[in-house]
Amino acid sequence: ARLRSFLDDLALTPQSREQTVLLVAHRGSLRVLLCLVLGLPPAAHWRFRLDPASLSELELDAELAVLTRLNDVSHLSEVTYAG
């Protein structure tokens, strides 16, 4: 219910209609948000794999949501760990 309320509030914000919105959240919340935006039941959230620090991208308009990127971790290939 909280995630649906968030999406409803976001949709009512005039700025979000024509701009890019960055959302940073826990993987479970992001999976449920993907379901809600794509018209899937929230219980289907386990069908999405989201790794830590991954990027996913949706293009939204009034009638359609298109998943353009899912679980992209290519930006992490340049990360080196000291150890």
C-alpha atoms as a PDB file:
ATOM      1  CA  ALA A   1       0.000   0.000   0.000  1.00  0.00           C
ATOM      2  CA  ARG A   2       2.864   2.395   0.789  1.00  0.00           C
ATOM      3  CA  LEU A   3       4.507   1.777  -2.574  1.00  0.00           C
ATOM      4  CA  ARG A   4       1.223   2.266  -4.449  1.00  0.00           C
ATOM      5  CA  SER A   5       0.703   5.519  -2.522  1.00  0.00           C
ATOM      6  CA  PHE A   6       4.223   6.640  -3.463  1.00  0.00           C
ATOM      7  CA  LEU A   7       3.556   5.967  -7.145  1.00  0.00           C
ATOM      8  CA  ASP A   8       0.261   7.817  -6.979  1.00  0.00           C
ATOM      9  CA  ASP A   9       1.952  10.820  -5.339  1.00  0.00           C
ATOM     10  CA  LEU A  10       4.723  10.753  -7.928  1.00  0.00           C
ATOM     11  CA  ALA A  11       2.213  10.689 -10.771  1.00  0.00           C
ATOM     12  CA  LEU A  12       0.539  13.802  -9.378  1.00  0.00           C
ATOM     13  CA  THR A  13       3.788  15.767  -9.330  1.00  0.00           C
ATOM     14  CA  PRO A  14       3.943  17.952 -12.443  1.00  0.00           C
ATOM     15  CA  GLN A  15       7.764  17.947 -12.422  1.00  0.00           C
ATOM     16  CA  SER A  16       7.967  14.161 -12.669  1.00  0.00           C
ATOM     17  CA  ARG A  17       5.966  14.038 -15.881  1.00  0.00           C
ATOM     18  CA  GLU A  18       8.647  15.547 -18.060  1.00  0.00           C
ATOM     19  CA  GLN A  19      11.819  14.844 -16.124  1.00  0.00           C
ATOM     20  CA  THR A  20      14.019  11.999 -15.073  1.00  0.00           C
ATOM     21  CA  VAL A  21      13.366  10.769 -11.557  1.00  0.00           C
ATOM     22  CA  LEU A  22      16.056   8.829  -9.707  1.00  0.00           C
ATOM     23  CA  LEU A  23      14.804   6.422  -7.088  1.00  0.00           C
ATOM     24  CA  VAL A  24      17.176   4.728  -4.667  1.00  0.00           C
ATOM     25  CA  ALA A  25      15.655   1.993  -2.524  1.00  0.00           C
ATOM     26  CA  HIS A  26      16.056  -1.532  -1.220  1.00  0.00           C
ATOM     27  CA  ARG A  27      15.867  -4.344  -3.767  1.00  0.00           C
ATOM     28  CA  GLY A  28      12.599  -5.767  -2.421  1.00  0.00           C
ATOM     29  CA  SER A  29      10.840  -2.419  -2.665  1.00  0.00           C
ATOM     30  CA  LEU A  30      12.201  -1.836  -6.148  1.00  0.00           C
ATOM     31  CA  ARG A  31      10.993  -5.262  -7.323  1.00  0.00           C
ATOM     32  CA  VAL A  32       7.475  -4.536  -6.040  1.00  0.00           C
ATOM     33  CA  LEU A  33       7.539  -1.095  -7.672  1.00  0.00           C
ATOM     34  CA  LEU A  34       8.484  -2.709 -10.978  1.00  0.00           C
ATOM     35  CA  CYS A  35       5.483  -5.012 -10.654  1.00  0.00           C
ATOM     36  CA  LEU A  36       3.099  -2.178  -9.867  1.00  0.00           C
ATOM     37  CA  VAL A  37       4.312   0.003 -12.734  1.00  0.00           C
ATOM     38  CA  LEU A  38       4.255  -2.872 -15.220  1.00  0.00           C
ATOM     39  CA  GLY A  39       0.778  -4.026 -14.175  1.00  0.00           C
ATOM     40  CA  LEU A  40       1.911  -7.271 -12.565  1.00  0.00           C
ATOM     41  CA  PRO A  41       0.660  -8.531  -9.208  1.00  0.00           C
ATOM     42  CA  PRO A  42       3.037  -7.601  -6.367  1.00  0.00           C
ATOM     43  CA  ALA A  43       3.529 -11.309  -5.633  1.00  0.00           C
ATOM     44  CA  ALA A  44       5.398 -11.557  -8.953  1.00  0.00           C
ATOM     45  CA  HIS A  45       8.276  -9.500  -7.554  1.00  0.00           C
ATOM     46  CA  TRP A  46      10.407 -12.640  -7.197  1.00  0.00           C
ATOM     47  CA  ARG A  47      10.549 -12.836 -11.002  1.00  0.00           C
ATOM     48  CA  PHE A  48      12.935  -9.881 -11.040  1.00  0.00           C
ATOM     49  CA  ARG A  49      16.569 -10.196 -10.021  1.00  0.00           C
ATOM     50  CA  LEU A  50      18.133  -7.004  -8.754  1.00  0.00           C
ATOM     51  CA  ASP A  51      21.739  -7.168  -7.623  1.00  0.00           C
ATOM     52  CA  PRO A  52      23.193  -4.672  -5.140  1.00  0.00           C
ATOM     53  CA  ALA A  53      24.022  -1.343  -6.813  1.00  0.00           C
ATOM     54  CA  SER A  54      22.321  -2.411 -10.057  1.00  0.00           C
ATOM     55  CA  LEU A  55      20.519   0.024 -12.327  1.00  0.00           C
ATOM     56  CA  SER A  56      17.059  -0.481 -13.747  1.00  0.00           C
ATOM     57  CA  GLU A  57      15.233   1.975 -15.945  1.00  0.00           C
ATOM     58  CA  LEU A  58      11.625   2.541 -16.946  1.00  0.00           C
ATOM     59  CA  GLU A  59      10.210   4.946 -19.496  1.00  0.00           C
ATOM     60  CA  LEU A  60       6.751   6.058 -18.486  1.00  0.00           C
ATOM     61  CA  ASP A  61       3.976   7.976 -20.107  1.00  0.00           C
ATOM     62  CA  ALA A  62       0.293   8.256 -19.248  1.00  0.00           C
ATOM     63  CA  GLU A  63      -0.643   4.892 -20.740  1.00  0.00           C
ATOM     64  CA  LEU A  64       2.486   2.761 -20.967  1.00  0.00           C
ATOM     65  CA  ALA A  65       5.509   1.679 -18.956  1.00  0.00           C
ATOM     66  CA  VAL A  66       8.476   0.244 -20.840  1.00  0.00           C
ATOM     67  CA  LEU A  67      11.281  -1.532 -19.003  1.00  0.00           C
ATOM     68  CA  THR A  68      14.405  -0.351 -20.853  1.00  0.00           C
ATOM     69  CA  ARG A  69      17.091  -1.618 -18.456  1.00  0.00           C
ATOM     70  CA  LEU A  70      17.014  -4.261 -15.739  1.00  0.00           C
ATOM     71  CA  ASN A  71      19.693  -5.223 -13.222  1.00  0.00           C
ATOM     72  CA  ASP A  72      22.497  -3.498 -15.138  1.00  0.00           C
ATOM     73  CA  VAL A  73      25.787  -3.810 -13.242  1.00  0.00           C
ATOM     74  CA  SER A  74      28.142  -2.839 -16.077  1.00  0.00           C
ATOM     75  CA  HIS A  75      29.149   0.325 -14.213  1.00  0.00           C
ATOM     76  CA  LEU A  76      30.640  -1.868 -11.480  1.00  0.00           C
ATOM     77  CA  SER A  77      33.208  -3.486 -13.780  1.00  0.00           C
ATOM     78  CA  GLU A  78      35.514  -0.514 -13.211  1.00  0.00           C
ATOM     79  CA  VAL A  79      35.395  -0.829  -9.441  1.00  0.00           C
ATOM     80  CA  THR A  80      38.514  -2.244  -7.853  1.00  0.00           C
ATOM     81  CA  TYR A  81      38.743  -3.370  -4.282  1.00  0.00           C
ATOM     82  CA  ALA A  82      41.738  -2.640  -2.118  1.00  0.00           C
ATOM     83  CA  GLY A  83      42.708  -5.589  -0.065  1.00  0.00           C
END
